[in-house]
């Protein structure tokens, strides 16, 4: 990529930001604040608290502010610039999404990655760009947050949620500690959704010295010269295997349960605005059919990620290699597979995430009350039950949770699952780059409607009290009295 001088970059970005400011002014954005201020026992009440300031959290927060819901805050446990996976556990070299996707731009051309990129490096550099380097995507998100002046607080972790009357109390610790009251809570918690790492049973009891999940903070330098196994054939499997090889691992074996590598990205093949906006409105049986099929066919790893592994002579791919058991001993790990026993010094489990939020202490008050698809929405005539789908939350039209037992936890109607766990109900609009703007729009429309309905008495009182005249009384003369004179003639 051709580099430009610092002054040219500054000028380019300054011009872009000026154009964005003008566009927002033309569109009268942000809209004027319209939600009545609320306090409880002398304490201020937020209209919305967003947990997570990665891509989805930023998009949700930006859409709220642009809609005139300004009494909001987003919290993220990570330091500024390290939110989300992009420069932490995402170990690919570039994004897998096409560079042209609009991402979190919310329909604003000057807010796209393309506008940000070309403002700094020009049109020719854009044309020559293949895929977006992941670090550059993080740089773009940092700019996105800055240029929109989004209210994000870093180094703050949510530790609990409780109901306080008709409000939600969010317990936080870190750079800010205490309890925040809010009317709505958005969980923009990314790939981990509501659960955490999906860890196979055969790793139960194995010392963490010998294995890691693919989303862990792994010391790859410590794997130099070691025998490493990576479970799975997905993108994260390839990214972690490649990182281990590039760090000097003695050998890396890909242990792949399938007899063949998945090769076709089915959902990408039918990607359209129809899919984005239509999935949510499908009958449940059709939703199940779509995502059960794509789960069974699986998403292949990118070609570039796979070549990044296979170019190393000390990398091996073992297909039809299911893991039966893992044992640790003085020599490391003995892995019993369907292809026989294998010896390793370290194992990386690229086994994804789960929807099992019962083990997350911050969700302890919510977990027993949340209705999932297995609570009646899924029925056996849809097809075989599938873990990861049947335990997905059963959500409403604004990503809000529903109660397992009606009346047991009313605050769930104001807690919104804007993360990967929403996919079965809403489609892929709250976790991936392509449709995140559509997801944010759907989320905020629902929150706005709820806030207006809750304050309807106040809004009606404001309607009655409004007394600024359009007409001052000197714009016309009442000619009615002339009718009597004309009639007398």
Protein backbone atom coordinates (compact mmCIF):
# COMPACT_ATOMS: atom_id res chain seq x y z
CA UNK A 1 0.00 0.00 0.00
CA UNK A 2 1.29 3.46 -0.88
CA UNK A 3 1.86 5.59 2.20
CA UNK A 4 1.08 9.29 2.46
CA UNK A 5 2.54 11.96 4.64
CA UNK A 6 1.09 12.73 8.05
CA UNK A 7 -0.08 16.14 6.87
CA UNK A 8 -1.88 14.60 3.87
CA UNK A 9 -3.58 12.05 6.12
CA UNK A 10 -4.67 14.78 8.50
CA UNK A 11 -5.98 16.89 5.65
CA UNK A 12 -7.79 13.93 4.12
CA UNK A 13 -9.45 12.93 7.37
CA UNK A 14 -10.25 16.53 8.23
CA UNK A 15 -12.03 16.95 4.89
CA UNK A 16 -13.92 13.69 5.40
CA UNK A 17 -14.98 14.69 8.90
CA UNK A 18 -16.17 18.07 7.63
CA UNK A 19 -18.24 16.36 4.94
CA UNK A 20 -19.68 13.93 7.51
CA UNK A 21 -20.60 16.86 9.75
CA UNK A 22 -22.32 18.55 6.81
CA UNK A 23 -24.25 15.38 5.93
CA UNK A 24 -25.43 15.01 9.51
CA UNK A 25 -26.52 18.64 9.50
CA UNK A 26 -28.48 18.15 6.26
CA UNK A 27 -30.21 15.13 7.79
CA UNK A 28 -30.81 16.91 11.12
CA UNK A 29 -28.80 14.33 12.98
CA UNK A 30 -28.45 13.71 15.80
CA UNK A 31 -32.18 14.23 16.26
CA UNK A 32 -33.18 16.49 19.12
CA UNK A 33 -33.35 14.70 22.49
CA UNK A 34 -36.93 13.72 23.24
CA UNK A 35 -36.90 11.25 26.13
CA UNK A 36 -38.00 12.83 29.44
CA UNK A 37 -35.28 12.94 32.11
CA UNK A 38 -35.88 10.47 34.92
CA UNK A 39 -34.43 10.11 38.40
CA UNK A 40 -35.14 7.67 41.19
CA UNK A 41 -34.55 8.50 44.87
CA UNK A 42 -32.33 11.35 43.79
CA UNK A 43 -30.23 9.17 41.51
CA UNK A 44 -30.09 9.76 37.74
CA UNK A 45 -31.53 7.07 35.50
CA UNK A 46 -30.02 6.23 32.13
CA UNK A 47 -32.35 5.61 29.22
CA UNK A 48 -30.07 2.89 27.85
CA UNK A 49 -26.89 1.20 29.05
CA UNK A 50 -24.94 -0.73 26.43
CA UNK A 51 -22.57 -3.47 27.58
CA UNK A 52 -19.79 -3.83 25.04
CA UNK A 53 -18.14 -1.22 22.82
CA UNK A 54 -16.96 -3.43 20.00
CA UNK A 55 -18.44 -3.03 16.54
CA UNK A 56 -22.01 -3.97 17.54
CA UNK A 57 -21.91 -1.89 20.71
CA UNK A 58 -20.66 1.15 18.82
CA UNK A 59 -23.28 0.75 16.09
CA UNK A 60 -26.06 0.43 18.68
CA UNK A 61 -24.82 3.42 20.68
CA UNK A 62 -24.42 5.56 17.58
CA UNK A 63 -27.92 4.71 16.35
CA UNK A 64 -29.39 5.56 19.76
CA UNK A 65 -27.68 8.95 19.84
CA UNK A 66 -28.61 9.77 16.24
CA UNK A 67 -32.24 8.91 17.07
CA UNK A 68 -32.30 11.47 19.88
CA UNK A 69 -31.88 8.96 22.72
CA UNK A 70 -28.85 10.67 24.18
CA UNK A 71 -28.93 9.71 27.86
CA UNK A 72 -26.93 6.56 27.15
CA UNK A 73 -23.56 5.08 28.02
CA UNK A 74 -21.58 2.11 26.71
CA UNK A 75 -19.24 0.18 29.00
CA UNK A 76 -16.41 -2.08 27.88
CA UNK A 77 -14.04 -4.04 30.07
CA UNK A 78 -11.16 -3.65 27.62
CA UNK A 79 -8.83 -0.66 27.40
CA UNK A 80 -9.62 1.85 24.66
CA UNK A 81 -8.55 0.50 21.28
CA UNK A 82 -8.71 -3.14 22.35
CA UNK A 83 -12.48 -3.64 22.27
CA UNK A 84 -13.75 -6.69 20.44
CA UNK A 85 -11.63 -9.45 18.93
CA UNK A 86 -9.79 -7.58 16.19
CA UNK A 87 -6.41 -7.06 17.85
CA UNK A 88 -6.79 -9.60 20.65
CA UNK A 89 -7.95 -13.16 19.94
CA UNK A 90 -8.78 -12.69 16.24
CA UNK A 91 -5.61 -14.16 14.76
CA UNK A 92 -6.37 -13.83 11.07
CA UNK A 93 -4.32 -11.38 9.05
CA UNK A 94 -7.26 -9.77 7.24
CA UNK A 95 -11.02 -9.63 7.61
CA UNK A 96 -12.96 -12.33 5.82
CA UNK A 97 -15.69 -9.90 4.72
CA UNK A 98 -15.39 -8.07 1.37
CA UNK A 99 -13.89 -4.61 1.73
CA UNK A 100 -16.97 -3.00 0.15
CA UNK A 101 -19.43 -3.93 2.89
CA UNK A 102 -20.98 -0.93 4.65
CA UNK A 103 -20.54 -2.35 8.16
CA UNK A 104 -21.64 -0.04 11.00
CA UNK A 105 -21.99 3.09 8.82
CA UNK A 106 -25.76 3.35 9.50
CA UNK A 107 -26.51 4.49 5.96
CA UNK A 108 -24.04 7.39 6.08
CA UNK A 109 -21.56 7.18 3.15
CA UNK A 110 -18.92 9.30 4.90
CA UNK A 111 -18.96 6.90 7.85
CA UNK A 112 -17.96 3.83 5.82
CA UNK A 113 -14.57 2.15 5.98
CA UNK A 114 -14.13 2.96 2.29
CA UNK A 115 -14.55 6.69 2.91
CA UNK A 116 -12.14 6.57 5.85
CA UNK A 117 -9.57 4.60 3.84
CA UNK A 118 -9.69 6.65 0.64
CA UNK A 119 -9.53 9.92 2.58
CA UNK A 120 -6.09 8.84 3.77
CA UNK A 121 -4.61 6.69 1.00
CA UNK A 122 -6.59 7.56 -2.11
CA UNK A 123 -8.69 5.83 -4.72
CA UNK A 124 -5.84 3.88 -6.33
CA UNK A 125 -4.85 2.38 -2.98
CA UNK A 126 -8.47 1.38 -2.45
CA UNK A 127 -8.60 -0.35 -5.81
CA UNK A 128 -5.43 -2.29 -5.05
CA UNK A 129 -6.61 -3.31 -1.58
CA UNK A 130 -7.71 -6.95 -1.42
CA UNK A 131 -9.00 -7.63 2.11
CA UNK A 132 -8.96 -5.24 5.05
CA UNK A 133 -6.09 -5.86 7.51
CA UNK A 134 -7.67 -6.58 10.89
CA UNK A 135 -5.59 -3.93 12.67
CA UNK A 136 -6.73 -1.35 10.16
CA UNK A 137 -10.36 -2.29 10.84
CA UNK A 138 -9.70 -1.61 14.52
CA UNK A 139 -8.20 1.77 13.61
CA UNK A 140 -11.37 2.55 11.67
CA UNK A 141 -13.58 1.64 14.64
CA UNK A 142 -11.48 3.88 16.90
CA UNK A 143 -12.05 6.74 14.44
CA UNK A 144 -15.77 5.90 14.21
CA UNK A 145 -16.11 6.25 17.96
CA UNK A 146 -14.13 9.50 18.01
CA UNK A 147 -15.79 11.25 15.09
CA UNK A 148 -19.28 10.54 16.50
CA UNK A 149 -18.17 11.44 20.05
CA UNK A 150 -19.81 8.30 21.41
CA UNK A 151 -20.23 8.02 25.21
CA UNK A 152 -18.00 4.99 25.86
CA UNK A 153 -16.36 4.18 29.20
CA UNK A 154 -13.46 1.73 29.11
CA UNK A 155 -12.09 -0.48 31.83
CA UNK A 156 -15.57 -1.07 33.25
CA UNK A 157 -17.03 -4.55 33.66
CA UNK A 158 -20.63 -5.48 34.39
CA UNK A 159 -20.79 -7.78 37.42
CA UNK A 160 -24.52 -8.14 37.97
CA UNK A 161 -28.04 -7.22 36.92
CA UNK A 162 -31.03 -6.78 39.19
CA UNK A 163 -34.54 -5.42 39.07
CA UNK A 164 -35.30 -2.26 41.06
CA UNK A 165 -38.99 -1.61 40.64
CA UNK A 166 -39.57 -0.91 36.96
CA UNK A 167 -35.89 -0.14 36.41
CA UNK A 168 -32.79 -2.23 35.81
CA UNK A 169 -29.82 -1.94 38.15
CA UNK A 170 -26.46 -2.69 36.53
CA UNK A 171 -23.57 -3.37 38.89
CA UNK A 172 -20.19 -2.32 37.51
CA UNK A 173 -16.58 -2.38 38.65
CA UNK A 174 -13.26 -1.13 37.36
CA UNK A 175 -12.61 2.44 36.25
CA UNK A 176 -16.12 3.12 37.54
CA UNK A 177 -17.59 1.13 40.41
CA UNK A 178 -21.09 1.03 41.78
CA UNK A 179 -24.64 0.65 40.53
CA UNK A 180 -26.19 2.33 37.50
CA UNK A 181 -29.95 2.54 37.02
CA UNK A 182 -31.30 2.26 33.50
CA UNK A 183 -34.56 1.79 31.66
CA UNK A 184 -33.11 -0.44 28.95
CA UNK A 185 -30.02 -2.65 28.84
CA UNK A 186 -28.35 -3.77 25.61
CA UNK A 187 -25.97 -6.73 25.75
CA UNK A 188 -23.60 -6.18 22.81
CA UNK A 189 -21.28 -8.90 24.03
CA UNK A 190 -20.04 -10.23 20.71
CA UNK A 191 -19.23 -13.83 19.77
CA UNK A 192 -19.39 -15.07 23.34
CA UNK A 193 -22.99 -13.88 23.43
CA UNK A 194 -24.48 -14.82 26.76
CA UNK A 195 -22.29 -17.82 27.50
CA UNK A 196 -18.60 -18.37 27.10
CA UNK A 197 -16.19 -20.84 25.59
CA UNK A 198 -17.64 -24.11 24.34
CA UNK A 199 -15.25 -26.65 25.82
CA UNK A 200 -15.51 -30.37 24.93
CA UNK A 201 -16.06 -32.80 27.78
CA UNK A 202 -12.83 -34.65 27.00
CA UNK A 203 -10.86 -31.60 28.24
CA UNK A 204 -12.54 -31.69 31.63
CA UNK A 205 -9.89 -32.12 34.30
CA UNK A 206 -6.97 -31.48 31.95
CA UNK A 207 -4.51 -28.98 33.39
CA UNK A 208 -4.74 -25.61 31.65
CA UNK A 209 -0.98 -25.71 31.24
CA UNK A 210 -1.58 -28.16 28.40
CA UNK A 211 -4.43 -26.56 26.49
CA UNK A 212 -6.19 -23.31 25.62
CA UNK A 213 -9.34 -22.18 23.90
CA UNK A 214 -8.77 -20.40 20.61
CA UNK A 215 -10.09 -17.15 22.15
CA UNK A 216 -7.71 -17.31 25.10
CA UNK A 217 -4.68 -15.06 25.44
CA UNK A 218 -2.19 -17.67 24.24
CA UNK A 219 1.57 -17.33 24.64
CA UNK A 220 2.51 -18.59 21.19
CA UNK A 221 6.21 -17.94 21.77
CA UNK A 222 6.08 -20.64 24.46
CA UNK A 223 5.02 -23.14 21.76
CA UNK A 224 8.30 -22.87 19.90
CA UNK A 225 9.55 -26.36 19.10
CA UNK A 226 6.44 -27.96 20.67
CA UNK A 227 4.05 -30.55 19.25
CA UNK A 228 0.73 -28.74 18.91
CA UNK A 229 -2.74 -30.01 18.02
CA UNK A 230 -5.60 -27.76 16.92
CA UNK A 231 -9.17 -29.05 17.04
CA UNK A 232 -11.48 -28.08 14.20
CA UNK A 233 -11.54 -26.93 10.59
CA UNK A 234 -13.05 -23.47 10.92
CA UNK A 235 -11.51 -20.07 10.41
CA UNK A 236 -10.31 -19.71 14.01
CA UNK A 237 -8.71 -23.17 13.81
CA UNK A 238 -6.66 -22.10 10.81
CA UNK A 239 -5.77 -18.72 12.29
CA UNK A 240 -4.51 -20.27 15.54
CA UNK A 241 -2.64 -23.05 13.77
CA UNK A 242 -0.95 -20.54 11.47
CA UNK A 243 0.00 -18.30 14.39
CA UNK A 244 1.56 -21.27 16.21
CA UNK A 245 3.50 -22.28 13.10
CA UNK A 246 4.72 -18.73 12.51
CA UNK A 247 5.87 -18.60 16.14
CA UNK A 248 8.07 -21.64 15.54
CA UNK A 249 5.98 -24.58 16.74
CA UNK A 250 7.76 -27.87 16.05
CA UNK A 251 4.66 -29.30 14.42
CA UNK A 252 0.96 -28.50 14.19
CA UNK A 253 -1.69 -31.12 13.52
CA UNK A 254 -5.23 -30.15 12.55
CA UNK A 255 -7.58 -32.73 14.12
CA UNK A 256 -10.72 -32.56 11.99
CA UNK A 257 -13.71 -34.73 12.82
CA UNK A 258 -15.29 -34.39 9.35
CA UNK A 259 -14.35 -36.70 6.52
CA UNK A 260 -14.13 -33.74 4.16
CA UNK A 261 -13.29 -30.08 4.62
CA UNK A 262 -16.29 -27.76 4.18
CA UNK A 263 -15.79 -25.80 0.97
CA UNK A 264 -18.88 -23.68 0.30
CA UNK A 265 -20.03 -20.69 2.34
CA UNK A 266 -23.76 -21.21 1.89
CA UNK A 267 -25.15 -18.10 3.60
CA UNK A 268 -22.75 -15.84 1.74
CA UNK A 269 -24.00 -17.39 -1.47
CA UNK A 270 -27.57 -16.20 -0.86
CA UNK A 271 -26.69 -12.92 0.84
CA UNK A 272 -29.20 -10.17 0.03
CA UNK A 273 -31.35 -7.51 1.62
CA UNK A 274 -34.13 -10.08 1.49
CA UNK A 275 -32.16 -12.33 3.82
CA UNK A 276 -31.24 -9.41 6.10
CA UNK A 277 -34.80 -8.16 6.53
CA UNK A 278 -36.74 -11.34 5.87
CA UNK A 279 -35.28 -13.97 8.19
CA UNK A 280 -36.91 -12.52 11.31
CA UNK A 281 -40.38 -12.66 9.75
CA UNK A 282 -40.14 -16.28 8.61
CA UNK A 283 -42.11 -18.99 10.42
CA UNK A 284 -39.97 -20.67 13.07
CA UNK A 285 -39.76 -23.91 11.12
CA UNK A 286 -38.12 -22.07 8.23
CA UNK A 287 -35.68 -20.27 10.54
CA UNK A 288 -34.69 -23.61 11.99
CA UNK A 289 -34.34 -25.12 8.52
CA UNK A 290 -32.01 -22.36 7.32
CA UNK A 291 -29.67 -22.40 10.30
CA UNK A 292 -29.75 -26.16 10.86
CA UNK A 293 -28.68 -26.62 7.25
CA UNK A 294 -25.87 -24.06 7.43
CA UNK A 295 -24.71 -25.55 10.75
CA UNK A 296 -24.60 -29.01 9.22
CA UNK A 297 -22.76 -27.89 6.08
CA UNK A 298 -20.53 -25.55 8.12
CA UNK A 299 -18.71 -22.45 6.98
CA UNK A 300 -15.36 -23.15 5.37
CA UNK A 301 -12.24 -21.34 6.49
CA UNK A 302 -11.01 -18.75 3.99
CA UNK A 303 -8.68 -20.04 1.30
CA UNK A 304 -5.96 -17.60 2.37
CA UNK A 305 -6.17 -18.77 6.00
CA UNK A 306 -5.92 -22.43 4.97
CA UNK A 307 -2.94 -21.75 2.70
CA UNK A 308 -1.35 -19.85 5.55
CA UNK A 309 -1.24 -23.19 7.41
CA UNK A 310 -0.56 -25.63 4.59
CA UNK A 311 2.44 -23.69 3.27
CA UNK A 312 4.34 -24.94 6.34
CA UNK A 313 5.91 -28.39 5.85
CA UNK A 314 5.41 -29.20 9.54
CA UNK A 315 1.62 -28.80 9.32
CA UNK A 316 -0.63 -31.82 8.87
CA UNK A 317 -4.37 -32.15 8.25
CA UNK A 318 -6.03 -35.24 9.74
CA UNK A 319 -9.58 -35.73 8.44
CA UNK A 320 -12.11 -38.17 9.90
CA UNK A 321 -10.17 -37.75 13.13
CA UNK A 322 -12.58 -37.49 16.03
CA UNK A 323 -11.26 -37.22 19.57
CA UNK A 324 -12.29 -39.99 21.94
CA UNK A 325 -10.35 -39.00 25.05
CA UNK A 326 -7.48 -36.82 26.25
CA UNK A 327 -5.13 -37.82 29.05
CA UNK A 328 -2.22 -35.98 30.58
CA UNK A 329 0.95 -37.61 31.86
CA UNK A 330 4.63 -36.87 32.32
CA UNK A 331 5.12 -36.64 28.54
CA UNK A 332 2.31 -34.14 27.95
CA UNK A 333 -0.98 -35.13 26.32
CA UNK A 334 -2.06 -38.49 24.99
CA UNK A 335 -4.94 -37.90 22.60
CA UNK A 336 -7.02 -40.94 21.70
CA UNK A 337 -8.55 -40.40 18.25
CA UNK A 338 -10.51 -42.42 15.74
CA UNK A 339 -7.25 -42.61 13.80
CA UNK A 340 -5.32 -43.94 16.78
CA UNK A 341 -3.34 -42.42 19.70
CA UNK A 342 -1.34 -39.22 19.17
CA UNK A 343 1.13 -37.36 21.37
CA UNK A 344 1.21 -33.60 21.89
CA UNK A 345 2.69 -30.98 24.16
CA UNK A 346 -0.19 -28.51 23.77
CA UNK A 347 -3.71 -28.47 22.37
CA UNK A 348 -5.79 -25.54 21.10
CA UNK A 349 -9.56 -26.05 21.14
CA UNK A 350 -11.11 -23.95 18.37
CA UNK A 351 -14.55 -25.12 19.48
CA UNK A 352 -16.49 -21.87 19.46
CA UNK A 353 -18.84 -20.46 22.06
CA UNK A 354 -22.00 -21.56 23.83
CA UNK A 355 -25.33 -20.03 24.84
CA UNK A 356 -25.08 -21.52 28.33
CA UNK A 357 -25.29 -18.33 30.35
CA UNK A 358 -26.07 -20.15 33.60
CA UNK A 359 -22.35 -20.19 34.42
CA UNK A 360 -21.92 -16.42 33.97
CA UNK A 361 -22.21 -14.81 37.42
CA UNK A 362 -23.28 -11.45 35.98
CA UNK A 363 -26.35 -13.16 34.49
CA UNK A 364 -27.23 -15.14 37.63
CA UNK A 365 -30.45 -13.19 38.20
CA UNK A 366 -31.53 -13.61 34.59
CA UNK A 367 -30.51 -17.08 33.48
CA UNK A 368 -33.30 -19.12 35.14
CA UNK A 369 -35.97 -16.78 33.75
CA UNK A 370 -34.90 -16.51 30.10
CA UNK A 371 -37.00 -18.42 27.62
CA UNK A 372 -35.02 -20.37 25.03
CA UNK A 373 -36.04 -22.10 21.84
CA UNK A 374 -36.13 -25.40 23.74
CA UNK A 375 -38.95 -24.01 25.92
CA UNK A 376 -41.54 -24.66 23.25
CA UNK A 377 -40.51 -22.59 20.28
CA UNK A 378 -38.56 -25.50 18.84
CA UNK A 379 -40.69 -28.56 18.11
CA UNK A 380 -39.49 -31.98 17.01
CA UNK A 381 -41.19 -31.71 13.61
CA UNK A 382 -38.66 -28.99 12.69
CA UNK A 383 -35.90 -31.59 12.63
CA UNK A 384 -33.37 -32.99 15.10
CA UNK A 385 -32.52 -30.88 18.14
CA UNK A 386 -29.14 -29.20 17.83
CA UNK A 387 -27.07 -27.86 20.73
CA UNK A 388 -26.32 -24.20 20.18
CA UNK A 389 -29.67 -23.73 18.50
CA UNK A 390 -32.20 -25.23 20.90
CA UNK A 391 -30.55 -23.36 23.79
CA UNK A 392 -30.58 -20.04 21.90
CA UNK A 393 -32.72 -17.33 23.52
CA UNK A 394 -36.26 -16.84 22.22
CA UNK A 395 -36.28 -13.11 21.47
CA UNK A 396 -38.86 -10.47 20.64
CA UNK A 397 -38.82 -8.01 17.70
CA UNK A 398 -36.34 -5.60 19.38
CA UNK A 399 -33.99 -8.41 20.47
CA UNK A 400 -35.64 -8.35 23.91
CA UNK A 401 -35.63 -11.48 26.05
CA UNK A 402 -38.84 -13.30 26.84
CA UNK A 403 -39.80 -14.87 30.15
CA UNK A 404 -39.79 -18.60 30.57
CA UNK A 405 -42.66 -18.18 33.04
CA UNK A 406 -44.85 -15.13 32.29
CA UNK A 407 -44.60 -12.56 35.07
CA UNK A 408 -41.50 -14.09 36.66
CA UNK A 409 -39.01 -11.44 35.48
CA UNK A 410 -40.62 -8.39 33.84
CA UNK A 411 -37.31 -6.58 33.37
CA UNK A 412 -36.39 -9.04 30.61
CA UNK A 413 -38.65 -7.09 28.24
CA UNK A 414 -36.15 -4.21 28.57
CA UNK A 415 -32.97 -6.27 28.19
CA UNK A 416 -31.87 -6.70 24.59
CA UNK A 417 -29.67 -9.50 23.27
CA UNK A 418 -27.76 -7.66 20.55
CA UNK A 419 -25.05 -10.25 20.05
CA UNK A 420 -24.32 -13.52 18.27
CA UNK A 421 -26.85 -15.44 20.39
CA UNK A 422 -29.69 -13.62 18.59
CA UNK A 423 -28.94 -15.25 15.24
CA UNK A 424 -31.58 -17.99 15.29
CA UNK A 425 -34.39 -15.52 15.99
CA UNK A 426 -33.18 -12.49 14.01
CA UNK A 427 -30.66 -13.75 11.47
CA UNK A 428 -27.06 -12.55 11.19
CA UNK A 429 -27.67 -8.89 11.99
CA UNK A 430 -26.03 -8.58 15.42
CA UNK A 431 -22.61 -10.15 15.13
CA UNK A 432 -21.13 -9.90 11.66
CA UNK A 433 -20.04 -6.91 9.57
CA UNK A 434 -22.45 -7.20 6.61
CA UNK A 435 -25.78 -6.40 8.30
CA UNK A 436 -24.86 -4.77 11.61
CA UNK A 437 -26.39 -1.42 10.57
CA UNK A 438 -29.71 -3.12 9.81
CA UNK A 439 -29.56 -4.83 13.19
CA UNK A 440 -28.83 -1.56 15.01
CA UNK A 441 -31.74 0.08 13.23
CA UNK A 442 -34.11 -2.75 14.24
CA UNK A 443 -32.88 -2.61 17.83
CA UNK A 444 -33.20 1.15 18.23
CA UNK A 445 -36.61 1.37 16.55
CA UNK A 446 -37.86 -1.06 19.18
CA UNK A 447 -36.25 0.78 22.08
CA UNK A 448 -37.55 4.13 20.83
CA UNK A 449 -41.09 2.78 20.52
CA UNK A 450 -40.90 1.31 24.02
CA UNK A 451 -39.58 4.52 25.58
CA UNK A 452 -42.27 6.61 23.89
CA UNK A 453 -45.04 4.26 25.00
CA UNK A 454 -43.78 4.20 28.59
CA UNK A 455 -43.80 8.01 28.68
CA UNK A 456 -47.02 8.47 26.72
CA UNK A 457 -48.74 10.42 29.53
CA UNK A 458 -45.84 12.86 29.66
CA UNK A 459 -45.82 13.27 25.90
CA UNK A 460 -49.59 13.88 25.89
CA UNK A 461 -49.26 16.42 28.70
CA UNK A 462 -46.54 18.14 26.67
CA UNK A 463 -48.90 18.17 23.70
CA UNK A 464 -51.57 19.94 25.77
CA UNK A 465 -49.09 22.34 27.37
CA UNK A 466 -47.47 23.40 24.09
CA UNK A 467 -48.64 26.96 23.43
CA UNK A 468 -46.24 28.57 20.98
CA UNK A 469 -48.52 30.11 18.30
CA UNK A 470 -47.92 29.70 14.60
CA UNK A 471 -50.24 32.62 13.92
CA UNK A 472 -50.05 35.89 15.85
CA UNK A 473 -53.62 37.10 15.03
CA UNK A 474 -52.68 39.92 12.67
CA UNK A 475 -52.52 37.76 9.58
CA UNK A 476 -56.24 38.06 8.61
CA UNK A 477 -59.50 39.98 9.16
CA UNK A 478 -62.69 38.22 10.17
CA UNK A 479 -65.20 38.93 7.41
CA UNK A 480 -68.10 37.11 9.02
CA UNK A 481 -69.84 40.33 10.28
CA UNK A 482 -70.11 41.49 6.65
CA UNK A 483 -72.46 38.61 5.96
CA UNK A 484 -75.20 40.26 8.08
CA UNK A 485 -74.78 43.60 6.30
CA UNK A 486 -74.92 41.92 2.93
CA UNK A 487 -78.01 39.97 3.94
CA UNK A 488 -79.80 43.20 5.02
CA UNK A 489 -79.30 44.81 1.63
